[in-house]
């Protein structure tokens, strides 16, 4: 084997290994990192919706048109976020392993939070603020929103 052959073989091996590393990186990005980022985006949207909807959650029966419209909008948003939470979590292939490592909320916590979001959607137009606060607390606690959970303390929402 001549020096030229060695140089060409080394170059070919370098290009081939570079292509393999690129493909492996793209697989990790597409099937792990992007779904994790999407789930984090949904978690952020849920936190924002809880904070934005605090007046609706604390409402104890305001019958004005503006209050009804706000409650309807919040109900639609909570239901959509419930669906987004489940579907984005499902898209993460090694979810069980990541949940065991505490990288993502457990499936049980995701299911409980999604159920509570549907409950918030159902209760948004109703005057039962205590039930709405309880559901919001469950969502925040299950999804690890430690800075939001205390905001939904019953002492902050008295009739």
N, C-alpha and C. Protein backbone atom coordinates (compact mmCIF):
# COMPACT_ATOMS: atom_id res chain seq x y z
N UNK A 1 0.84 -1.16 0.00
CA UNK A 1 0.00 0.00 0.00
C UNK A 1 0.90 1.24 0.00
N UNK A 2 0.64 2.10 -0.93
CA UNK A 2 1.46 3.30 -1.07
C UNK A 2 0.97 4.37 -0.12
N UNK A 3 1.76 5.40 -0.02
CA UNK A 3 1.38 6.53 0.84
C UNK A 3 0.08 7.18 0.35
N UNK A 4 -0.10 7.26 -0.94
CA UNK A 4 -1.32 7.84 -1.49
C UNK A 4 -2.54 6.99 -1.11
N UNK A 5 -2.39 5.69 -1.19
CA UNK A 5 -3.48 4.80 -0.81
C UNK A 5 -3.84 4.96 0.66
N UNK A 6 -2.83 5.09 1.51
CA UNK A 6 -3.07 5.28 2.94
C UNK A 6 -3.81 6.60 3.20
N UNK A 7 -3.41 7.64 2.48
CA UNK A 7 -4.05 8.95 2.65
C UNK A 7 -5.51 8.88 2.21
N UNK A 8 -5.75 8.24 1.08
CA UNK A 8 -7.12 8.11 0.57
C UNK A 8 -7.98 7.25 1.50
N UNK A 9 -7.41 6.18 2.03
CA UNK A 9 -8.14 5.31 2.95
C UNK A 9 -8.49 6.06 4.24
N UNK A 10 -7.54 6.83 4.74
CA UNK A 10 -7.78 7.62 5.95
C UNK A 10 -8.87 8.67 5.69
N UNK A 11 -8.82 9.33 4.55
CA UNK A 11 -9.83 10.33 4.21
C UNK A 11 -11.21 9.68 4.08
N UNK A 12 -11.28 8.52 3.42
CA UNK A 12 -12.56 7.83 3.25
C UNK A 12 -13.12 7.40 4.61
N UNK A 13 -12.25 6.88 5.47
CA UNK A 13 -12.69 6.47 6.81
C UNK A 13 -13.18 7.67 7.62
N UNK A 14 -12.49 8.79 7.49
CA UNK A 14 -12.89 10.01 8.20
C UNK A 14 -14.25 10.50 7.72
N UNK A 15 -14.45 10.51 6.42
CA UNK A 15 -15.73 10.95 5.86
C UNK A 15 -16.85 10.00 6.28
N UNK A 16 -16.60 8.70 6.21
CA UNK A 16 -17.62 7.72 6.58
C UNK A 16 -17.97 7.83 8.06
N UNK A 17 -16.98 7.95 8.92
CA UNK A 17 -17.27 8.07 10.36
C UNK A 17 -17.97 9.39 10.66
N UNK A 18 -17.62 10.44 9.97
CA UNK A 18 -18.30 11.72 10.14
C UNK A 18 -19.77 11.63 9.74
N UNK A 19 -20.05 10.93 8.65
CA UNK A 19 -21.43 10.75 8.21
C UNK A 19 -22.22 9.94 9.22
N UNK A 20 -21.61 8.90 9.79
CA UNK A 20 -22.29 8.10 10.80
C UNK A 20 -22.59 8.91 12.07
N UNK A 21 -21.64 9.72 12.48
CA UNK A 21 -21.85 10.56 13.66
C UNK A 21 -22.97 11.57 13.39
N UNK A 22 -22.99 12.15 12.19
CA UNK A 22 -24.05 13.08 11.82
C UNK A 22 -25.41 12.40 11.85
N UNK A 23 -25.50 11.20 11.28
CA UNK A 23 -26.78 10.47 11.27
C UNK A 23 -27.22 10.13 12.68
N UNK A 24 -26.29 9.68 13.51
CA UNK A 24 -26.64 9.34 14.90
C UNK A 24 -27.12 10.59 15.65
N UNK A 25 -26.45 11.69 15.43
CA UNK A 25 -26.86 12.95 16.07
C UNK A 25 -28.24 13.38 15.62
N UNK A 26 -28.53 13.25 14.34
CA UNK A 26 -29.85 13.63 13.83
C UNK A 26 -30.95 12.73 14.41
N UNK A 27 -30.65 11.46 14.57
CA UNK A 27 -31.63 10.54 15.17
C UNK A 27 -31.92 10.95 16.61
N UNK A 28 -30.88 11.26 17.37
CA UNK A 28 -31.06 11.70 18.76
C UNK A 28 -31.86 13.00 18.81
N UNK A 29 -31.53 13.92 17.91
CA UNK A 29 -32.24 15.20 17.90
C UNK A 29 -33.71 15.00 17.56
N UNK A 30 -34.00 14.24 16.51
CA UNK A 30 -35.38 14.07 16.03
C UNK A 30 -36.24 13.27 16.99
N UNK A 31 -35.69 12.22 17.59
CA UNK A 31 -36.51 11.31 18.39
C UNK A 31 -36.41 11.52 19.89
N UNK A 32 -35.51 12.37 20.35
CA UNK A 32 -35.38 12.58 21.79
C UNK A 32 -35.42 14.07 22.14
N UNK A 33 -34.51 14.84 21.59
CA UNK A 33 -34.38 16.24 22.01
C UNK A 33 -35.58 17.08 21.57
N UNK A 34 -35.98 16.97 20.31
CA UNK A 34 -37.12 17.76 19.84
C UNK A 34 -38.42 17.42 20.59
N UNK A 35 -38.75 16.13 20.80
CA UNK A 35 -39.96 15.84 21.60
C UNK A 35 -39.87 16.36 23.04
N UNK A 36 -38.67 16.30 23.63
CA UNK A 36 -38.51 16.85 24.99
C UNK A 36 -38.73 18.36 24.99
N UNK A 37 -38.21 19.05 23.97
CA UNK A 37 -38.41 20.49 23.88
C UNK A 37 -39.88 20.82 23.67
N UNK A 38 -40.56 20.03 22.87
CA UNK A 38 -41.99 20.27 22.64
C UNK A 38 -42.79 20.06 23.93
N UNK A 39 -42.43 19.04 24.70
CA UNK A 39 -43.12 18.83 25.96
C UNK A 39 -42.86 20.00 26.91
N UNK A 40 -41.64 20.48 26.95
CA UNK A 40 -41.31 21.63 27.80
C UNK A 40 -42.09 22.87 27.36
N UNK A 41 -42.27 23.02 26.04
CA UNK A 41 -43.05 24.14 25.53
C UNK A 41 -44.50 24.03 26.03
N UNK A 42 -45.05 22.82 26.01
CA UNK A 42 -46.42 22.61 26.49
C UNK A 42 -46.50 22.88 28.00
N UNK A 43 -45.50 22.44 28.75
CA UNK A 43 -45.49 22.70 30.20
C UNK A 43 -45.46 24.20 30.47
N UNK A 44 -44.68 24.93 29.69
CA UNK A 44 -44.65 26.39 29.83
C UNK A 44 -45.99 27.02 29.48
N UNK A 45 -46.63 26.49 28.44
CA UNK A 45 -47.94 27.01 28.05
C UNK A 45 -48.99 26.73 29.14
N UNK A 46 -48.87 25.58 29.79
CA UNK A 46 -49.79 25.26 30.88
C UNK A 46 -49.58 26.22 32.05
N UNK A 47 -48.31 26.47 32.40
CA UNK A 47 -48.02 27.42 33.48
C UNK A 47 -48.57 28.80 33.14
N UNK A 48 -48.37 29.24 31.91
CA UNK A 48 -48.88 30.55 31.49
C UNK A 48 -50.41 30.58 31.55
N UNK A 49 -51.05 29.50 31.12
CA UNK A 49 -52.51 29.47 31.14
C UNK A 49 -53.05 29.51 32.57
N UNK A 50 -52.39 28.80 33.48
CA UNK A 50 -52.83 28.84 34.88
C UNK A 50 -52.73 30.25 35.45
N UNK A 51 -51.61 30.90 35.16
CA UNK A 51 -51.43 32.26 35.68
C UNK A 51 -52.38 33.26 35.01
N UNK A 52 -52.51 33.13 33.70
CA UNK A 52 -53.38 34.03 32.95
C UNK A 52 -54.85 33.86 33.35
N UNK A 53 -55.22 32.65 33.71
CA UNK A 53 -56.63 32.35 34.01
C UNK A 53 -56.96 32.45 35.49
N UNK A 54 -56.06 32.95 36.30
CA UNK A 54 -56.32 33.06 37.74
C UNK A 54 -57.60 33.83 38.04
N UNK A 55 -57.91 34.92 37.32
CA UNK A 55 -59.19 35.59 37.61
C UNK A 55 -60.41 34.70 37.32
N UNK A 56 -60.31 33.88 36.30
CA UNK A 56 -61.42 32.96 35.98
C UNK A 56 -61.52 31.89 37.06
N UNK A 57 -60.37 31.41 37.53
CA UNK A 57 -60.38 30.37 38.56
C UNK A 57 -60.93 30.89 39.88
N UNK A 58 -60.64 32.14 40.19
CA UNK A 58 -61.10 32.73 41.46
C UNK A 58 -62.52 33.25 41.37
N UNK A 59 -63.08 33.32 40.19
CA UNK A 59 -64.43 33.84 40.00
C UNK A 59 -65.44 32.96 40.71
N UNK A 60 -66.35 33.60 41.45
CA UNK A 60 -67.41 32.85 42.11
C UNK A 60 -68.79 33.19 41.58
N UNK A 61 -68.92 33.30 40.30
CA UNK A 61 -70.24 33.45 39.73
C UNK A 61 -70.52 34.78 39.06
N UNK A 62 -69.51 35.45 38.55
CA UNK A 62 -69.72 36.69 37.80
C UNK A 62 -70.48 36.34 36.52
N UNK A 63 -71.65 36.92 36.35
CA UNK A 63 -72.52 36.60 35.21
C UNK A 63 -72.37 37.57 34.04
N UNK A 64 -71.39 38.46 34.09
CA UNK A 64 -71.24 39.43 33.00
C UNK A 64 -70.80 38.72 31.72
N UNK A 65 -71.05 39.36 30.60
CA UNK A 65 -70.68 38.78 29.30
C UNK A 65 -69.17 38.62 29.19
N UNK A 66 -68.43 39.58 29.72
CA UNK A 66 -66.97 39.51 29.67
C UNK A 66 -66.45 38.32 30.48
N UNK A 67 -67.04 38.09 31.65
CA UNK A 67 -66.61 36.98 32.50
C UNK A 67 -66.94 35.65 31.83
N UNK A 68 -68.12 35.57 31.21
CA UNK A 68 -68.50 34.33 30.51
C UNK A 68 -67.58 34.07 29.33
N UNK A 69 -67.22 35.12 28.60
CA UNK A 69 -66.31 34.96 27.46
C UNK A 69 -64.92 34.52 27.93
N UNK A 70 -64.45 35.11 29.03
CA UNK A 70 -63.14 34.72 29.57
C UNK A 70 -63.15 33.27 30.05
N UNK A 71 -64.24 32.86 30.67
CA UNK A 71 -64.36 31.48 31.15
C UNK A 71 -64.40 30.52 29.97
N UNK A 72 -65.12 30.87 28.92
CA UNK A 72 -65.19 30.01 27.73
C UNK A 72 -63.82 29.89 27.08
N UNK A 73 -63.11 31.00 26.97
CA UNK A 73 -61.77 30.98 26.37
C UNK A 73 -60.81 30.14 27.21
N UNK A 74 -60.87 30.30 28.53
CA UNK A 74 -60.01 29.50 29.42
C UNK A 74 -60.35 28.02 29.31
N UNK A 75 -61.63 27.70 29.23
CA UNK A 75 -62.05 26.30 29.11
C UNK A 75 -61.48 25.67 27.84
N UNK A 76 -61.55 26.39 26.74
CA UNK A 76 -61.02 25.87 25.47
C UNK A 76 -59.51 25.67 25.56
N UNK A 77 -58.83 26.64 26.17
CA UNK A 77 -57.37 26.55 26.29
C UNK A 77 -56.96 25.38 27.18
N UNK A 78 -57.63 25.17 28.31
CA UNK A 78 -57.29 24.07 29.21
C UNK A 78 -57.50 22.72 28.51
N UNK A 79 -58.56 22.58 27.76
CA UNK A 79 -58.82 21.31 27.06
C UNK A 79 -57.74 21.06 25.99
N UNK A 80 -57.40 22.10 25.23
CA UNK A 80 -56.35 21.96 24.20
C UNK A 80 -55.01 21.61 24.84
N UNK A 81 -54.69 22.24 25.96
CA UNK A 81 -53.42 21.95 26.63
C UNK A 81 -53.40 20.54 27.20
N UNK A 82 -54.53 20.03 27.64
CA UNK A 82 -54.60 18.65 28.11
C UNK A 82 -54.22 17.69 26.98
N UNK A 83 -54.80 17.93 25.82
CA UNK A 83 -54.50 17.09 24.66
C UNK A 83 -53.04 17.22 24.27
N UNK A 84 -52.54 18.46 24.24
CA UNK A 84 -51.14 18.68 23.87
C UNK A 84 -50.18 17.99 24.84
N UNK A 85 -50.50 18.05 26.13
CA UNK A 85 -49.64 17.42 27.14
C UNK A 85 -49.53 15.92 26.91
N UNK A 86 -50.65 15.27 26.68
CA UNK A 86 -50.63 13.81 26.48
C UNK A 86 -49.92 13.46 25.17
N UNK A 87 -50.25 14.15 24.10
CA UNK A 87 -49.66 13.79 22.80
C UNK A 87 -48.17 14.09 22.75
N UNK A 88 -47.74 15.20 23.32
CA UNK A 88 -46.31 15.51 23.31
C UNK A 88 -45.53 14.56 24.23
N UNK A 89 -46.14 14.14 25.31
CA UNK A 89 -45.47 13.18 26.19
C UNK A 89 -45.39 11.82 25.51
N UNK A 90 -46.43 11.45 24.81
CA UNK A 90 -46.44 10.16 24.11
C UNK A 90 -45.38 10.12 23.01
N UNK A 91 -45.06 11.26 22.43
CA UNK A 91 -44.09 11.32 21.33
C UNK A 91 -42.66 11.03 21.79
N UNK A 92 -42.42 11.08 23.09
CA UNK A 92 -41.08 10.81 23.61
C UNK A 92 -40.93 9.31 23.77
N UNK A 93 -40.13 8.71 22.91
CA UNK A 93 -40.03 7.24 22.86
C UNK A 93 -39.57 6.61 24.17
N UNK A 94 -38.42 6.98 24.73
CA UNK A 94 -37.98 6.32 25.97
C UNK A 94 -38.56 7.00 27.21
N UNK A 95 -39.88 7.25 27.21
CA UNK A 95 -40.49 8.05 28.28
C UNK A 95 -40.30 7.40 29.65
N UNK A 96 -40.51 6.10 29.73
CA UNK A 96 -40.38 5.42 31.02
C UNK A 96 -39.00 5.57 31.63
N UNK A 97 -37.97 5.42 30.79
CA UNK A 97 -36.60 5.56 31.29
C UNK A 97 -36.33 7.00 31.72
N UNK A 98 -36.81 7.97 30.95
CA UNK A 98 -36.59 9.37 31.31
C UNK A 98 -37.37 9.74 32.56
N UNK A 99 -38.55 9.17 32.73
CA UNK A 99 -39.33 9.43 33.95
C UNK A 99 -38.63 8.82 35.16
N UNK A 100 -38.04 7.65 34.99
CA UNK A 100 -37.32 7.01 36.09
C UNK A 100 -36.10 7.85 36.51
N UNK A 101 -35.52 8.57 35.55
CA UNK A 101 -34.38 9.44 35.83
C UNK A 101 -34.83 10.83 36.28
N UNK A 102 -36.14 11.04 36.41
CA UNK A 102 -36.75 12.32 36.81
C UNK A 102 -36.46 13.44 35.83
N UNK A 103 -36.28 13.10 34.55
CA UNK A 103 -36.08 14.10 33.51
C UNK A 103 -37.42 14.67 33.08
N UNK A 104 -38.46 13.82 33.11
CA UNK A 104 -39.82 14.21 32.73
C UNK A 104 -40.77 13.74 33.83
N UNK A 105 -41.97 14.32 33.91
CA UNK A 105 -42.95 13.83 34.90
C UNK A 105 -43.35 12.39 34.57
N UNK A 106 -43.72 11.64 35.58
CA UNK A 106 -44.14 10.25 35.36
C UNK A 106 -45.44 10.23 34.56
N UNK A 107 -45.72 9.05 33.96
CA UNK A 107 -46.98 8.92 33.20
C UNK A 107 -48.18 9.16 34.09
N UNK A 108 -48.09 8.69 35.34
CA UNK A 108 -49.19 8.91 36.27
C UNK A 108 -49.43 10.39 36.52
N UNK A 109 -48.34 11.15 36.67
CA UNK A 109 -48.47 12.59 36.88
C UNK A 109 -49.01 13.28 35.63
N UNK A 110 -48.55 12.84 34.46
CA UNK A 110 -49.06 13.42 33.21
C UNK A 110 -50.55 13.14 33.07
N UNK A 111 -50.96 11.90 33.35
CA UNK A 111 -52.38 11.54 33.23
C UNK A 111 -53.23 12.32 34.24
N UNK A 112 -52.74 12.46 35.47
CA UNK A 112 -53.48 13.20 36.49
C UNK A 112 -53.59 14.68 36.12
N UNK A 113 -52.49 15.27 35.64
CA UNK A 113 -52.51 16.68 35.24
C UNK A 113 -53.44 16.88 34.05
N UNK A 114 -53.39 15.97 33.07
CA UNK A 114 -54.27 16.08 31.90
C UNK A 114 -55.73 15.97 32.33
N UNK A 115 -56.01 15.06 33.24
CA UNK A 115 -57.38 14.91 33.75
C UNK A 115 -57.83 16.17 34.48
N UNK A 116 -56.94 16.76 35.27
CA UNK A 116 -57.28 17.99 35.99
C UNK A 116 -57.48 19.16 35.02
N UNK A 117 -56.71 19.19 33.93
CA UNK A 117 -56.91 20.24 32.92
C UNK A 117 -58.29 20.11 32.27
N UNK A 118 -58.71 18.87 32.00
CA UNK A 118 -60.06 18.66 31.47
C UNK A 118 -61.08 19.09 32.51
N UNK A 119 -60.83 18.78 33.78
CA UNK A 119 -61.72 19.22 34.84
C UNK A 119 -61.80 20.74 34.91
N UNK A 120 -60.64 21.41 34.76
CA UNK A 120 -60.66 22.88 34.73
C UNK A 120 -61.47 23.39 33.55
N UNK A 121 -61.35 22.70 32.43
CA UNK A 121 -62.13 23.08 31.25
C UNK A 121 -63.62 22.96 31.55
N UNK A 122 -64.00 21.91 32.23
CA UNK A 122 -65.42 21.70 32.56
C UNK A 122 -65.92 22.67 33.63
N UNK A 123 -65.06 23.00 34.59
CA UNK A 123 -65.48 23.84 35.70
C UNK A 123 -65.28 25.34 35.45
N UNK A 124 -64.56 25.73 34.41
CA UNK A 124 -64.25 27.14 34.18
C UNK A 124 -65.49 28.03 34.20
N UNK A 125 -66.58 27.65 33.54
CA UNK A 125 -67.75 28.54 33.57
C UNK A 125 -68.59 28.45 34.85
N UNK A 126 -68.27 27.54 35.73
CA UNK A 126 -69.06 27.34 36.94
C UNK A 126 -68.54 28.21 38.07
N UNK A 127 -69.40 28.54 39.04
CA UNK A 127 -68.97 29.43 40.13
C UNK A 127 -68.23 28.72 41.27
N UNK A 128 -67.89 27.46 41.15
CA UNK A 128 -67.23 26.71 42.23
C UNK A 128 -65.72 26.96 42.21
N UNK A 129 -65.30 28.09 42.79
CA UNK A 129 -63.89 28.45 42.74
C UNK A 129 -63.02 27.48 43.54
N UNK A 130 -63.55 26.87 44.58
CA UNK A 130 -62.74 25.95 45.39
C UNK A 130 -62.35 24.72 44.58
N UNK A 131 -63.28 24.20 43.79
CA UNK A 131 -62.96 23.04 42.96
C UNK A 131 -61.95 23.43 41.87
N UNK A 132 -62.11 24.62 41.29
CA UNK A 132 -61.18 25.08 40.25
C UNK A 132 -59.78 25.25 40.82
N UNK A 133 -59.68 25.80 42.03
CA UNK A 133 -58.37 25.99 42.66
C UNK A 133 -57.74 24.63 42.98
N UNK A 134 -58.54 23.69 43.45
CA UNK A 134 -58.03 22.35 43.75
C UNK A 134 -57.47 21.69 42.48
N UNK A 135 -58.18 21.83 41.38
CA UNK A 135 -57.71 21.26 40.11
C UNK A 135 -56.44 21.95 39.64
N UNK A 136 -56.38 23.27 39.76
CA UNK A 136 -55.18 24.02 39.36
C UNK A 136 -53.99 23.62 40.23
N UNK A 137 -54.22 23.43 41.53
CA UNK A 137 -53.16 22.98 42.42
C UNK A 137 -52.63 21.62 41.99
N UNK A 138 -53.53 20.72 41.61
CA UNK A 138 -53.11 19.39 41.19
C UNK A 138 -52.27 19.46 39.92
N UNK A 139 -52.69 20.27 38.96
CA UNK A 139 -51.92 20.41 37.72
C UNK A 139 -50.52 20.91 38.03
N UNK A 140 -50.44 21.98 38.81
CA UNK A 140 -49.14 22.57 39.13
C UNK A 140 -48.25 21.59 39.91
N UNK A 141 -48.83 20.90 40.87
CA UNK A 141 -48.05 19.96 41.69
C UNK A 141 -47.58 18.77 40.86
N UNK A 142 -48.45 18.21 40.03
CA UNK A 142 -48.10 17.02 39.25
C UNK A 142 -47.05 17.30 38.20
N UNK A 143 -47.04 18.52 37.69
CA UNK A 143 -46.08 18.85 36.63
C UNK A 143 -44.83 19.54 37.18
N UNK A 144 -44.71 19.58 38.50
CA UNK A 144 -43.50 20.11 39.12
C UNK A 144 -43.37 21.62 39.02
N UNK A 145 -44.48 22.31 38.98
CA UNK A 145 -44.46 23.77 38.90
C UNK A 145 -44.47 24.34 40.31
N UNK A 146 -43.35 24.19 40.97
CA UNK A 146 -43.25 24.55 42.38
C UNK A 146 -43.46 26.03 42.65
N UNK A 147 -43.14 26.88 41.68
CA UNK A 147 -43.31 28.32 41.89
C UNK A 147 -44.75 28.77 41.63
N UNK A 148 -45.51 27.94 40.95
CA UNK A 148 -46.90 28.30 40.66
C UNK A 148 -47.84 27.71 41.69
N UNK A 149 -47.55 26.52 42.18
CA UNK A 149 -48.43 25.82 43.11
C UNK A 149 -48.82 26.70 44.32
N UNK A 150 -47.87 27.39 44.98
CA UNK A 150 -48.27 28.20 46.14
C UNK A 150 -49.22 29.35 45.78
N UNK A 151 -49.22 29.79 44.53
CA UNK A 151 -50.10 30.88 44.13
C UNK A 151 -51.57 30.45 44.20
N UNK A 152 -51.80 29.14 44.12
CA UNK A 152 -53.16 28.63 44.17
C UNK A 152 -53.51 28.10 45.55
N UNK A 153 -52.89 28.67 46.54
CA UNK A 153 -53.22 28.34 47.93
C UNK A 153 -54.60 28.90 48.23
N UNK A 154 -55.40 28.14 48.97
CA UNK A 154 -56.77 28.56 49.30
C UNK A 154 -56.82 29.92 49.99
N UNK A 155 -55.75 30.28 50.72
CA UNK A 155 -55.75 31.57 51.42
C UNK A 155 -55.75 32.75 50.45
N UNK A 156 -55.29 32.53 49.23
CA UNK A 156 -55.26 33.59 48.23
C UNK A 156 -56.59 33.77 47.51
N UNK A 157 -57.52 32.84 47.71
CA UNK A 157 -58.80 32.87 47.01
C UNK A 157 -59.94 32.68 47.99
N UNK A 158 -60.27 33.70 48.70
CA UNK A 158 -61.39 33.65 49.65
C UNK A 158 -62.61 34.30 49.01
N UNK A 159 -63.74 33.75 49.31
CA UNK A 159 -65.01 34.27 48.76
C UNK A 159 -65.34 35.60 49.39
